[in-house]
Amino acid sequence: MKTLLLRLAIVSALAVAALAVIAPAAADDEGSHAATQAADDGTDILPVTLWSLAGVAVGATVMGTLYLFKRRVGGFPENPSWTAPISVMRSRDLPGDDGASGHGASPDAHGHAPAH
């Protein structure tokens, strides 16, 4: 349980740090609005940016918490009973290149492989 709390504290601290990076831009109400306004429509993009970053931070925290909970209850077994066949296929079991051209067919009189 201590590791879960430690992980949650680290994720929360990183989310707060990410939001703290944009705090100076949010506090600059008296400065130039060239970076915070769209071309000519007068729409302020700063609130949209702040809410987007907050949404990403909250979503990452929630999904990370759910992932850690699933790991804790055994949702990801260490040795699963079924694995996808592609994951256990060795490269030496794959068909090799038979000819010099690399296509498995012998070249014709001109040195080219026939069209498929």
PDB file of N, CA and C in Angstrom:
ATOM      1  N   MET A   1       0.822  -1.184   0.000  1.00  0.00           N
ATOM      2  CA  MET A   1       0.000   0.000   0.000  1.00  0.00           C
ATOM      3  C   MET A   1       0.870   1.252   0.000  1.00  0.00           C
ATOM      4  N   LYS A   2       2.055   1.158   0.620  1.00  0.00           N
ATOM      5  CA  LYS A   2       2.935   2.313   0.664  1.00  0.00           C
ATOM      6  C   LYS A   2       3.440   2.681  -0.726  1.00  0.00           C
ATOM      7  N   THR A   3       3.696   1.666  -1.547  1.00  0.00           N
ATOM      8  CA  THR A   3       4.189   1.974  -2.894  1.00  0.00           C
ATOM      9  C   THR A   3       3.094   2.627  -3.731  1.00  0.00           C
ATOM     10  N   LEU A   4       1.844   2.223  -3.528  1.00  0.00           N
ATOM     11  CA  LEU A   4       0.737   2.838  -4.255  1.00  0.00           C
ATOM     12  C   LEU A   4       0.608   4.310  -3.879  1.00  0.00           C
ATOM     13  N   LEU A   5       0.694   4.599  -2.597  1.00  0.00           N
ATOM     14  CA  LEU A   5       0.619   5.987  -2.159  1.00  0.00           C
ATOM     15  C   LEU A   5       1.807   6.795  -2.661  1.00  0.00           C
ATOM     16  N   LEU A   6       2.968   6.179  -2.679  1.00  0.00           N
ATOM     17  CA  LEU A   6       4.155   6.864  -3.191  1.00  0.00           C
ATOM     18  C   LEU A   6       3.998   7.167  -4.670  1.00  0.00           C
ATOM     19  N   ARG A   7       3.490   6.202  -5.430  1.00  0.00           N
ATOM     20  CA  ARG A   7       3.279   6.424  -6.865  1.00  0.00           C
ATOM     21  C   ARG A   7       2.237   7.501  -7.109  1.00  0.00           C
ATOM     22  N   LEU A   8       1.158   7.478  -6.348  1.00  0.00           N
ATOM     23  CA  LEU A   8       0.139   8.510  -6.495  1.00  0.00           C
ATOM     24  C   LEU A   8       0.692   9.883  -6.149  1.00  0.00           C
ATOM     25  N   ALA A   9       1.529   9.956  -5.126  1.00  0.00           N
ATOM     26  CA  ALA A   9       2.131  11.228  -4.749  1.00  0.00           C
ATOM     27  C   ALA A   9       3.060  11.742  -5.847  1.00  0.00           C
ATOM     28  N   ILE A  10       3.815  10.845  -6.458  1.00  0.00           N
ATOM     29  CA  ILE A  10       4.724  11.246  -7.535  1.00  0.00           C
ATOM     30  C   ILE A  10       3.944  11.723  -8.749  1.00  0.00           C
ATOM     31  N   VAL A  11       2.906  10.997  -9.129  1.00  0.00           N
ATOM     32  CA  VAL A  11       2.091  11.394 -10.283  1.00  0.00           C
ATOM     33  C   VAL A  11       1.403  12.726 -10.010  1.00  0.00           C
ATOM     34  N   SER A  12       0.889  12.904  -8.807  1.00  0.00           N
ATOM     35  CA  SER A  12       0.236  14.164  -8.460  1.00  0.00           C
ATOM     36  C   SER A  12       1.231  15.315  -8.481  1.00  0.00           C
ATOM     37  N   ALA A  13       2.428  15.076  -7.973  1.00  0.00           N
ATOM     38  CA  ALA A  13       3.445  16.121  -7.979  1.00  0.00           C
ATOM     39  C   ALA A  13       3.851  16.493  -9.400  1.00  0.00           C
ATOM     40  N   LEU A  14       3.950  15.509 -10.275  1.00  0.00           N
ATOM     41  CA  LEU A  14       4.281  15.808 -11.665  1.00  0.00           C
ATOM     42  C   LEU A  14       3.159  16.580 -12.353  1.00  0.00           C
ATOM     43  N   ALA A  15       1.915  16.248 -12.048  1.00  0.00           N
ATOM     44  CA  ALA A  15       0.791  16.974 -12.636  1.00  0.00           C
ATOM     45  C   ALA A  15       0.763  18.417 -12.159  1.00  0.00           C
ATOM     46  N   VAL A  16       0.995  18.631 -10.871  1.00  0.00           N
ATOM     47  CA  VAL A  16       1.028  19.990 -10.333  1.00  0.00           C
ATOM     48  C   VAL A  16       2.208  20.764 -10.921  1.00  0.00           C
ATOM     49  N   ALA A  17       3.339  20.097 -11.089  1.00  0.00           N
ATOM     50  CA  ALA A  17       4.498  20.763 -11.678  1.00  0.00           C
ATOM     51  C   ALA A  17       4.229  21.163 -13.129  1.00  0.00           C
ATOM     52  N   ALA A  18       3.522  20.302 -13.859  1.00  0.00           N
ATOM     53  CA  ALA A  18       3.188  20.629 -15.246  1.00  0.00           C
ATOM     54  C   ALA A  18       2.255  21.828 -15.312  1.00  0.00           C
ATOM     55  N   LEU A  19       1.308  21.892 -14.399  1.00  0.00           N
ATOM     56  CA  LEU A  19       0.412  23.045 -14.371  1.00  0.00           C
ATOM     57  C   LEU A  19       1.112  24.301 -13.869  1.00  0.00           C
ATOM     58  N   ALA A  20       2.096  24.148 -12.993  1.00  0.00           N
ATOM     59  CA  ALA A  20       2.825  25.298 -12.471  1.00  0.00           C
ATOM     60  C   ALA A  20       3.681  25.961 -13.539  1.00  0.00           C
ATOM     61  N   VAL A  21       4.048  25.213 -14.555  1.00  0.00           N
ATOM     62  CA  VAL A  21       4.871  25.777 -15.628  1.00  0.00           C
ATOM     63  C   VAL A  21       4.101  26.862 -16.376  1.00  0.00           C
ATOM     64  N   ILE A  22       2.793  26.691 -16.511  1.00  0.00           N
ATOM     65  CA  ILE A  22       2.018  27.661 -17.272  1.00  0.00           C
ATOM     66  C   ILE A  22       1.440  28.761 -16.390  1.00  0.00           C
ATOM     67  N   ALA A  23       1.700  28.748 -15.090  1.00  0.00           N
ATOM     68  CA  ALA A  23       1.171  29.763 -14.185  1.00  0.00           C
ATOM     69  C   ALA A  23       1.626  31.174 -14.559  1.00  0.00           C
ATOM     70  N   PRO A  24       2.895  31.402 -14.932  1.00  0.00           N
ATOM     71  CA  PRO A  24       3.281  32.760 -15.326  1.00  0.00           C
ATOM     72  C   PRO A  24       2.498  33.274 -16.533  1.00  0.00           C
ATOM     73  N   ALA A  25       2.176  32.418 -17.466  1.00  0.00           N
ATOM     74  CA  ALA A  25       1.391  32.846 -18.619  1.00  0.00           C
ATOM     75  C   ALA A  25      -0.027  33.194 -18.209  1.00  0.00           C
ATOM     76  N   ALA A  26      -0.566  32.487 -17.242  1.00  0.00           N
ATOM     77  CA  ALA A  26      -1.913  32.778 -16.778  1.00  0.00           C
ATOM     78  C   ALA A  26      -1.958  34.061 -15.967  1.00  0.00           C
ATOM     79  N   ALA A  27      -0.878  34.395 -15.280  1.00  0.00           N
ATOM     80  CA  ALA A  27      -0.834  35.593 -14.447  1.00  0.00           C
ATOM     81  C   ALA A  27      -0.535  36.847 -15.248  1.00  0.00           C
ATOM     82  N   ASP A  28      -0.127  36.739 -16.466  1.00  0.00           N
ATOM     83  CA  ASP A  28       0.270  37.887 -17.282  1.00  0.00           C
ATOM     84  C   ASP A  28      -0.947  38.506 -17.961  1.00  0.00           C
ATOM     85  N   ASP A  29      -1.835  39.142 -17.166  1.00  0.00           N
ATOM     86  CA  ASP A  29      -3.010  39.793 -17.744  1.00  0.00           C
ATOM     87  C   ASP A  29      -2.695  41.170 -18.303  1.00  0.00           C
ATOM     88  N   GLU A  30      -1.653  41.822 -17.801  1.00  0.00           N
ATOM     89  CA  GLU A  30      -1.311  43.170 -18.237  1.00  0.00           C
ATOM     90  C   GLU A  30      -0.375  43.180 -19.427  1.00  0.00           C
ATOM     91  N   GLY A  31       0.220  42.064 -19.724  1.00  0.00           N
ATOM     92  CA  GLY A  31       1.222  41.999 -20.785  1.00  0.00           C
ATOM     93  C   GLY A  31       0.609  41.857 -22.166  1.00  0.00           C
ATOM     94  N   SER A  32       1.433  41.467 -23.101  1.00  0.00           N
ATOM     95  CA  SER A  32       1.009  41.318 -24.487  1.00  0.00           C
ATOM     96  C   SER A  32       0.073  40.126 -24.623  1.00  0.00           C
ATOM     97  N   HIS A  33      -1.014  40.343 -25.345  1.00  0.00           N
ATOM     98  CA  HIS A  33      -1.976  39.266 -25.574  1.00  0.00           C
ATOM     99  C   HIS A  33      -1.810  38.645 -26.941  1.00  0.00           C
ATOM    100  N   ALA A  34      -0.713  38.921 -27.595  1.00  0.00           N
ATOM    101  CA  ALA A  34      -0.503  38.389 -28.943  1.00  0.00           C
ATOM    102  C   ALA A  34      -0.436  36.867 -28.931  1.00  0.00           C
ATOM    103  N   ALA A  35       0.148  36.296 -27.875  1.00  0.00           N
ATOM    104  CA  ALA A  35       0.287  34.837 -27.825  1.00  0.00           C
ATOM    105  C   ALA A  35      -0.979  34.155 -27.321  1.00  0.00           C
ATOM    106  N   THR A  36      -1.863  34.917 -26.659  1.00  0.00           N
ATOM    107  CA  THR A  36      -3.044  34.284 -26.072  1.00  0.00           C
ATOM    108  C   THR A  36      -4.309  34.518 -26.870  1.00  0.00           C
ATOM    109  N   GLN A  37      -4.241  35.283 -27.952  1.00  0.00           N
ATOM    110  CA  GLN A  37      -5.435  35.541 -28.737  1.00  0.00           C
ATOM    111  C   GLN A  37      -5.278  34.984 -30.138  1.00  0.00           C
ATOM    112  N   ALA A  38      -6.395  34.569 -30.695  1.00  0.00           N
ATOM    113  CA  ALA A  38      -6.392  34.093 -32.072  1.00  0.00           C
ATOM    114  C   ALA A  38      -6.211  35.288 -33.005  1.00  0.00           C
ATOM    115  N   ALA A  39      -6.152  35.050 -34.284  1.00  0.00           N
ATOM    116  CA  ALA A  39      -5.818  36.067 -35.278  1.00  0.00           C
ATOM    117  C   ALA A  39      -6.646  37.343 -35.123  1.00  0.00           C
ATOM    118  N   ASP A  40      -7.905  37.348 -35.473  1.00  0.00           N
ATOM    119  CA  ASP A  40      -8.708  38.566 -35.424  1.00  0.00           C
ATOM    120  C   ASP A  40     -10.065  38.378 -34.776  1.00  0.00           C
ATOM    121  N   ASP A  41     -10.364  37.188 -34.280  1.00  0.00           N
ATOM    122  CA  ASP A  41     -11.699  36.974 -33.749  1.00  0.00           C
ATOM    123  C   ASP A  41     -11.823  37.348 -32.279  1.00  0.00           C
ATOM    124  N   GLY A  42     -10.729  37.712 -31.614  1.00  0.00           N
ATOM    125  CA  GLY A  42     -10.783  38.163 -30.234  1.00  0.00           C
ATOM    126  C   GLY A  42     -11.008  37.058 -29.220  1.00  0.00           C
ATOM    127  N   THR A  43     -10.865  35.805 -29.602  1.00  0.00           N
ATOM    128  CA  THR A  43     -11.064  34.690 -28.684  1.00  0.00           C
ATOM    129  C   THR A  43      -9.804  34.479 -27.865  1.00  0.00           C
ATOM    130  N   ASP A  44      -9.965  34.416 -26.566  1.00  0.00           N
ATOM    131  CA  ASP A  44      -8.829  34.193 -25.665  1.00  0.00           C
ATOM    132  C   ASP A  44      -8.588  32.687 -25.566  1.00  0.00           C
ATOM    133  N   ILE A  45      -7.407  32.230 -25.960  1.00  0.00           N
ATOM    134  CA  ILE A  45      -7.123  30.792 -25.966  1.00  0.00           C
ATOM    135  C   ILE A  45      -6.496  30.308 -24.666  1.00  0.00           C
ATOM    136  N   LEU A  46      -6.182  31.221 -23.765  1.00  0.00           N
ATOM    137  CA  LEU A  46      -5.548  30.819 -22.509  1.00  0.00           C
ATOM    138  C   LEU A  46      -6.445  29.915 -21.662  1.00  0.00           C
ATOM    139  N   PRO A  47      -7.724  30.229 -21.463  1.00  0.00           N
ATOM    140  CA  PRO A  47      -8.564  29.311 -20.670  1.00  0.00           C
ATOM    141  C   PRO A  47      -8.695  27.933 -21.314  1.00  0.00           C
ATOM    142  N   VAL A  48      -8.775  27.887 -22.630  1.00  0.00           N
ATOM    143  CA  VAL A  48      -8.873  26.598 -23.322  1.00  0.00           C
ATOM    144  C   VAL A  48      -7.605  25.780 -23.092  1.00  0.00           C
ATOM    145  N   THR A  49      -6.463  26.451 -23.161  1.00  0.00           N
ATOM    146  CA  THR A  49      -5.184  25.768 -22.936  1.00  0.00           C
ATOM    147  C   THR A  49      -5.073  25.253 -21.507  1.00  0.00           C
ATOM    148  N   LEU A  50      -5.452  26.103 -20.561  1.00  0.00           N
ATOM    149  CA  LEU A  50      -5.382  25.689 -19.156  1.00  0.00           C
ATOM    150  C   LEU A  50      -6.317  24.517 -18.862  1.00  0.00           C
ATOM    151  N   TRP A  51      -7.537  24.567 -19.372  1.00  0.00           N
ATOM    152  CA  TRP A  51      -8.476  23.472 -19.141  1.00  0.00           C
ATOM    153  C   TRP A  51      -8.028  22.196 -19.844  1.00  0.00           C
ATOM    154  N   SER A  52      -7.406  22.344 -21.011  1.00  0.00           N
ATOM    155  CA  SER A  52      -6.900  21.159 -21.715  1.00  0.00           C
ATOM    156  C   SER A  52      -5.792  20.494 -20.920  1.00  0.00           C
ATOM    157  N   LEU A  53      -4.857  21.290 -20.424  1.00  0.00           N
ATOM    158  CA  LEU A  53      -3.760  20.729 -19.623  1.00  0.00           C
ATOM    159  C   LEU A  53      -4.286  20.117 -18.322  1.00  0.00           C
ATOM    160  N   ALA A  54      -5.260  20.783 -17.707  1.00  0.00           N
ATOM    161  CA  ALA A  54      -5.836  20.234 -16.478  1.00  0.00           C
ATOM    162  C   ALA A  54      -6.558  18.925 -16.773  1.00  0.00           C
ATOM    163  N   GLY A  55      -7.267  18.863 -17.893  1.00  0.00           N
ATOM    164  CA  GLY A  55      -7.965  17.630 -18.257  1.00  0.00           C
ATOM    165  C   GLY A  55      -7.009  16.485 -18.521  1.00  0.00           C
ATOM    166  N   VAL A  56      -5.895  16.780 -19.193  1.00  0.00           N
ATOM    167  CA  VAL A  56      -4.898  15.741 -19.454  1.00  0.00           C
ATOM    168  C   VAL A  56      -4.284  15.262 -18.142  1.00  0.00           C
ATOM    169  N   ALA A  57      -3.990  16.194 -17.243  1.00  0.00           N
ATOM    170  CA  ALA A  57      -3.396  15.816 -15.960  1.00  0.00           C
ATOM    171  C   ALA A  57      -4.358  14.963 -15.128  1.00  0.00           C
ATOM    172  N   VAL A  58      -5.620  15.368 -15.084  1.00  0.00           N
ATOM    173  CA  VAL A  58      -6.606  14.597 -14.320  1.00  0.00           C
ATOM    174  C   VAL A  58      -6.827  13.233 -14.959  1.00  0.00           C
ATOM    175  N   GLY A  59      -6.921  13.197 -16.291  1.00  0.00           N
ATOM    176  CA  GLY A  59      -7.104  11.919 -16.982  1.00  0.00           C
ATOM    177  C   GLY A  59      -5.943  10.979 -16.764  1.00  0.00           C
ATOM    178  N   ALA A  60      -4.720  11.505 -16.825  1.00  0.00           N
ATOM    179  CA  ALA A  60      -3.545  10.670 -16.591  1.00  0.00           C
ATOM    180  C   ALA A  60      -3.525  10.136 -15.162  1.00  0.00           C
ATOM    181  N   THR A  61      -3.926  10.980 -14.214  1.00  0.00           N
ATOM    182  CA  THR A  61      -3.954  10.539 -12.819  1.00  0.00           C
ATOM    183  C   THR A  61      -5.001   9.448 -12.605  1.00  0.00           C
ATOM    184  N   VAL A  62      -6.180   9.648 -13.163  1.00  0.00           N
ATOM    185  CA  VAL A  62      -7.249   8.653 -12.996  1.00  0.00           C
ATOM    186  C   VAL A  62      -6.877   7.345 -13.679  1.00  0.00           C
ATOM    187  N   MET A  63      -6.412   7.416 -14.923  1.00  0.00           N
ATOM    188  CA  MET A  63      -6.073   6.189 -15.641  1.00  0.00           C
ATOM    189  C   MET A  63      -4.873   5.481 -15.002  1.00  0.00           C
ATOM    190  N   GLY A  64      -3.901   6.236 -14.520  1.00  0.00           N
ATOM    191  CA  GLY A  64      -2.768   5.632 -13.824  1.00  0.00           C
ATOM    192  C   GLY A  64      -3.196   4.934 -12.545  1.00  0.00           C
ATOM    193  N   THR A  65      -4.127   5.561 -11.833  1.00  0.00           N
ATOM    194  CA  THR A  65      -4.640   4.939 -10.615  1.00  0.00           C
ATOM    195  C   THR A  65      -5.386   3.644 -10.926  1.00  0.00           C
ATOM    196  N   LEU A  66      -6.207   3.662 -11.977  1.00  0.00           N
ATOM    197  CA  LEU A  66      -6.918   2.445 -12.358  1.00  0.00           C
ATOM    198  C   LEU A  66      -5.959   1.348 -12.810  1.00  0.00           C
ATOM    199  N   TYR A  67      -4.897   1.720 -13.538  1.00  0.00           N
ATOM    200  CA  TYR A  67      -3.892   0.743 -13.970  1.00  0.00           C
ATOM    201  C   TYR A  67      -3.199   0.118 -12.755  1.00  0.00           C
ATOM    202  N   LEU A  68      -2.799   0.955 -11.804  1.00  0.00           N
ATOM    203  CA  LEU A  68      -2.132   0.430 -10.608  1.00  0.00           C
ATOM    204  C   LEU A  68      -3.078  -0.453  -9.795  1.00  0.00           C
ATOM    205  N   PHE A  69      -4.349  -0.086  -9.742  1.00  0.00           N
ATOM    206  CA  PHE A  69      -5.329  -0.920  -9.036  1.00  0.00           C
ATOM    207  C   PHE A  69      -5.479  -2.274  -9.720  1.00  0.00           C
ATOM    208  N   LYS A  70      -5.523  -2.270 -11.049  1.00  0.00           N
ATOM    209  CA  LYS A  70      -5.655  -3.539 -11.776  1.00  0.00           C
ATOM    210  C   LYS A  70      -4.427  -4.421 -11.561  1.00  0.00           C
ATOM    211  N   ARG A  71      -3.250  -3.811 -11.535  1.00  0.00           N
ATOM    212  CA  ARG A  71      -2.041  -4.596 -11.243  1.00  0.00           C
ATOM    213  C   ARG A  71      -2.089  -5.170  -9.842  1.00  0.00           C
ATOM    214  N   ARG A  72      -2.593  -4.375  -8.911  1.00  0.00           N
ATOM    215  CA  ARG A  72      -2.634  -4.803  -7.510  1.00  0.00           C
ATOM    216  C   ARG A  72      -3.566  -5.997  -7.325  1.00  0.00           C
ATOM    217  N   VAL A  73      -4.703  -6.021  -8.018  1.00  0.00           N
ATOM    218  CA  VAL A  73      -5.663  -7.114  -7.843  1.00  0.00           C
ATOM    219  C   VAL A  73      -5.362  -8.301  -8.738  1.00  0.00           C
ATOM    220  N   GLY A  74      -4.307  -8.248  -9.529  1.00  0.00           N
ATOM    221  CA  GLY A  74      -3.902  -9.394 -10.328  1.00  0.00           C
ATOM    222  C   GLY A  74      -4.473  -9.415 -11.727  1.00  0.00           C
ATOM    223  N   GLY A  75      -4.780  -8.270 -12.274  1.00  0.00           N
ATOM    224  CA  GLY A  75      -5.331  -8.205 -13.617  1.00  0.00           C
ATOM    225  C   GLY A  75      -4.320  -8.524 -14.703  1.00  0.00           C
ATOM    226  N   PHE A  76      -3.047  -8.441 -14.385  1.00  0.00           N
ATOM    227  CA  PHE A  76      -1.982  -8.747 -15.327  1.00  0.00           C
ATOM    228  C   PHE A  76      -1.133  -9.873 -14.741  1.00  0.00           C
ATOM    229  N   PRO A  77      -1.488 -11.130 -15.008  1.00  0.00           N
ATOM    230  CA  PRO A  77      -0.720 -12.238 -14.428  1.00  0.00           C
ATOM    231  C   PRO A  77       0.704 -12.272 -14.981  1.00  0.00           C
ATOM    232  N   GLU A  78       1.629 -12.705 -14.155  1.00  0.00           N
ATOM    233  CA  GLU A  78       3.037 -12.737 -14.558  1.00  0.00           C
ATOM    234  C   GLU A  78       3.294 -13.780 -15.631  1.00  0.00           C
ATOM    235  N   ASN A  79       2.703 -14.949 -15.515  1.00  0.00           N
ATOM    236  CA  ASN A  79       2.826 -16.005 -16.512  1.00  0.00           C
ATOM    237  C   ASN A  79       1.432 -16.371 -17.019  1.00  0.00           C
ATOM    238  N   PRO A  80       0.948 -15.678 -18.042  1.00  0.00           N
ATOM    239  CA  PRO A  80      -0.410 -15.963 -18.510  1.00  0.00           C
ATOM    240  C   PRO A  80      -0.509 -17.342 -19.131  1.00  0.00           C
ATOM    241  N   SER A  81      -1.703 -17.934 -19.071  1.00  0.00           N
ATOM    242  CA  SER A  81      -1.893 -19.273 -19.614  1.00  0.00           C
ATOM    243  C   SER A  81      -1.965 -19.250 -21.143  1.00  0.00           C
ATOM    244  N   TRP A  82      -2.298 -18.109 -21.739  1.00  0.00           N
ATOM    245  CA  TRP A  82      -2.389 -18.007 -23.191  1.00  0.00           C
ATOM    246  C   TRP A  82      -1.542 -16.830 -23.655  1.00  0.00           C
ATOM    247  N   THR A  83      -0.760 -17.057 -24.676  1.00  0.00           N
ATOM    248  CA  THR A  83      -0.021 -15.972 -25.310  1.00  0.00           C
ATOM    249  C   THR A  83      -0.291 -16.025 -26.799  1.00  0.00           C
ATOM    250  N   ALA A  84      -0.224 -14.884 -27.432  1.00  0.00           N
ATOM    251  CA  ALA A  84      -0.474 -14.823 -28.866  1.00  0.00           C
ATOM    252  C   ALA A  84       0.615 -15.598 -29.601  1.00  0.00           C
ATOM    253  N   PRO A  85       0.262 -16.371 -30.640  1.00  0.00           N
ATOM    254  CA  PRO A  85       1.261 -17.170 -31.351  1.00  0.00           C
ATOM    255  C   PRO A  85       2.369 -16.328 -31.973  1.00  0.00           C
ATOM    256  N   ILE A  86       2.058 -15.119 -32.369  1.00  0.00           N
ATOM    257  CA  ILE A  86       3.080 -14.286 -32.993  1.00  0.00           C
ATOM    258  C   ILE A  86       4.169 -13.900 -31.987  1.00  0.00           C
ATOM    259  N   SER A  87       3.817 -13.870 -30.712  1.00  0.00           N
ATOM    260  CA  SER A  87       4.791 -13.446 -29.723  1.00  0.00           C
ATOM    261  C   SER A  87       5.805 -14.548 -29.390  1.00  0.00           C
ATOM    262  N   VAL A  88       5.504 -15.795 -29.706  1.00  0.00           N
ATOM    263  CA  VAL A  88       6.430 -16.870 -29.391  1.00  0.00           C
ATOM    264  C   VAL A  88       7.085 -17.464 -30.628  1.00  0.00           C
ATOM    265  N   MET A  89       6.879 -16.861 -31.786  1.00  0.00           N
ATOM    266  CA  MET A  89       7.460 -17.381 -33.021  1.00  0.00           C
ATOM    267  C   MET A  89       8.915 -16.931 -33.129  1.00  0.00           C
ATOM    268  N   ARG A  90       9.800 -17.890 -33.288  1.00  0.00           N
ATOM    269  CA  ARG A  90      11.223 -17.582 -33.382  1.00  0.00           C
ATOM    270  C   ARG A  90      11.599 -17.249 -34.820  1.00  0.00           C
ATOM    271  N   SER A  91      12.628 -16.457 -34.995  1.00  0.00           N
ATOM    272  CA  SER A  91      13.031 -16.053 -36.341  1.00  0.00           C
ATOM    273  C   SER A  91      13.568 -17.227 -37.151  1.00  0.00           C
ATOM    274  N   ARG A  92      14.137 -18.209 -36.491  1.00  0.00           N
ATOM    275  CA  ARG A  92      14.657 -19.357 -37.242  1.00  0.00           C
ATOM    276  C   ARG A  92      13.535 -20.239 -37.785  1.00  0.00           C
ATOM    277  N   ASP A  93      12.296 -20.066 -37.277  1.00  0.00           N
ATOM    278  CA  ASP A  93      11.160 -20.813 -37.783  1.00  0.00           C
ATOM    279  C   ASP A  93      10.533 -20.169 -39.018  1.00  0.00           C
ATOM    280  N   LEU A  94      10.930 -18.941 -39.345  1.00  0.00           N
ATOM    281  CA  LEU A  94      10.385 -18.252 -40.508  1.00  0.00           C
ATOM    282  C   LEU A  94      10.986 -18.826 -41.789  1.00  0.00           C
ATOM    283  N   PRO A  95      10.252 -18.768 -42.907  1.00  0.00           N
ATOM    284  CA  PRO A  95      10.827 -19.254 -44.163  1.00  0.00           C
ATOM    285  C   PRO A  95      11.987 -18.357 -44.590  1.00  0.00           C
ATOM    286  N   GLY A  96      13.045 -18.965 -45.086  1.00  0.00           N
ATOM    287  CA  GLY A  96      14.232 -18.217 -45.479  1.00  0.00           C
ATOM    288  C   GLY A  96      14.210 -17.843 -46.947  1.00  0.00           C
ATOM    289  N   ASP A  97      15.207 -17.079 -47.351  1.00  0.00           N
ATOM    290  CA  ASP A  97      15.377 -16.709 -48.756  1.00  0.00           C
ATOM    291  C   ASP A  97      16.166 -17.820 -49.435  1.00  0.00           C
ATOM    292  N   ASP A  98      15.572 -18.384 -50.509  1.00  0.00           N
ATOM    293  CA  ASP A  98      16.208 -19.511 -51.176  1.00  0.00           C
ATOM    294  C   ASP A  98      17.164 -19.087 -52.284  1.00  0.00           C
ATOM    295  N   GLY A  99      16.824 -18.087 -53.057  1.00  0.00           N
ATOM    296  CA  GLY A  99      17.636 -17.705 -54.209  1.00  0.00           C
ATOM    297  C   GLY A  99      18.530 -16.517 -53.926  1.00  0.00           C
ATOM    298  N   ALA A 100      19.380 -16.218 -54.902  1.00  0.00           N
ATOM    299  CA  ALA A 100      20.280 -15.076 -54.762  1.00  0.00           C
ATOM    300  C   ALA A 100      19.522 -13.765 -54.851  1.00  0.00           C
ATOM    301  N   SER A 101      18.356 -13.782 -55.513  1.00  0.00           N
ATOM    302  CA  SER A 101      17.575 -12.549 -55.649  1.00  0.00           C
ATOM    303  C   SER A 101      16.790 -12.236 -54.380  1.00  0.00           C
ATOM    304  N   GLY A 102      16.665 -13.186 -53.494  1.00  0.00           N
ATOM    305  CA  GLY A 102      15.975 -12.961 -52.243  1.00  0.00           C
ATOM    306  C   GLY A 102      14.490 -13.210 -52.311  1.00  0.00           C
ATOM    307  N   HIS A 103      13.970 -13.641 -53.469  1.00  0.00           N
ATOM    308  CA  HIS A 103      12.543 -13.876 -53.619  1.00  0.00           C
ATOM    309  C   HIS A 103      12.196 -15.360 -53.626  1.00  0.00           C
ATOM    310  N   GLY A 104      13.160 -16.217 -53.565  1.00  0.00           N
ATOM    311  CA  GLY A 104      12.899 -17.646 -53.534  1.00  0.00           C
ATOM    312  C   GLY A 104      12.762 -18.262 -54.911  1.00  0.00           C
ATOM    313  N   ALA A 105      12.763 -17.482 -55.955  1.00  0.00           N
ATOM    314  CA  ALA A 105      12.645 -17.996 -57.320  1.00  0.00           C
ATOM    315  C   ALA A 105      13.980 -17.796 -58.025  1.00  0.00           C
ATOM    316  N   SER A 106      14.319 -18.742 -58.886  1.00  0.00           N
ATOM    317  CA  SER A 106      15.591 -18.598 -59.597  1.00  0.00           C
ATOM    318  C   SER A 106      15.445 -17.547 -60.694  1.00  0.00           C
ATOM    319  N   PRO A 107      16.473 -16.752 -60.918  1.00  0.00           N
ATOM    320  CA  PRO A 107      16.394 -15.715 -61.940  1.00  0.00           C
ATOM    321  C   PRO A 107      16.375 -16.324 -63.336  1.00  0.00           C
ATOM    322  N   ASP A 108      15.761 -15.586 -64.275  1.00  0.00           N
ATOM    323  CA  ASP A 108      15.724 -16.069 -65.657  1.00  0.00           C
ATOM    324  C   ASP A 108      17.052 -15.758 -66.354  1.00  0.00           C
ATOM    325  N   ALA A 109      17.092 -15.852 -67.666  1.00  0.00           N
ATOM    326  CA  ALA A 109      18.343 -15.692 -68.421  1.00  0.00           C
ATOM    327  C   ALA A 109      18.918 -14.277 -68.280  1.00  0.00           C
ATOM    328  N   HIS A 110      18.075 -13.280 -68.006  1.00  0.00           N
ATOM    329  CA  HIS A 110      18.561 -11.892 -67.904  1.00  0.00           C
ATOM    330  C   HIS A 110      18.931 -11.500 -66.495  1.00  0.00           C
ATOM    331  N   GLY A 111      18.790 -12.396 -65.574  1.00  0.00           N
ATOM    332  CA  GLY A 111      19.166 -12.078 -64.182  1.00  0.00           C
ATOM    333  C   GLY A 111      18.051 -11.469 -63.377  1.00  0.00           C
ATOM    334  N   HIS A 112      16.834 -11.426 -63.921  1.00  0.00           N
ATOM    335  CA  HIS A 112      15.710 -10.862 -63.204  1.00  0.00           C
ATOM    336  C   HIS A 112      14.771 -11.968 -62.756  1.00  0.00           C
ATOM    337  N   ALA A 113      14.143 -11.774 -61.644  1.00  0.00           N
ATOM    338  CA  ALA A 113      13.141 -12.722 -61.173  1.00  0.00           C
ATOM    339  C   ALA A 113      11.861 -12.507 -61.980  1.00  0.00           C
ATOM    340  N   PRO A 114      11.128 -13.560 -62.269  1.00  0.00           N
ATOM    341  CA  PRO A 114       9.889 -13.399 -63.037  1.00  0.00           C
ATOM    342  C   PRO A 114       8.859 -12.586 -62.231  1.00  0.00           C
ATOM    343  N   ALA A 115       7.972 -11.919 -62.972  1.00  0.00           N
ATOM    344  CA  ALA A 115       6.923 -11.112 -62.329  1.00  0.00           C
ATOM    345  C   ALA A 115       5.933 -12.034 -61.638  1.00  0.00           C
ATOM    346  N   HIS A 116       5.341 -11.553 -60.582  1.00  0.00           N
ATOM    347  CA  HIS A 116       4.405 -12.364 -59.790  1.00  0.00           C
ATOM    348  C   HIS A 116       3.035 -12.343 -60.400  1.00  0.00           C
TER     349      HIS A 116
END
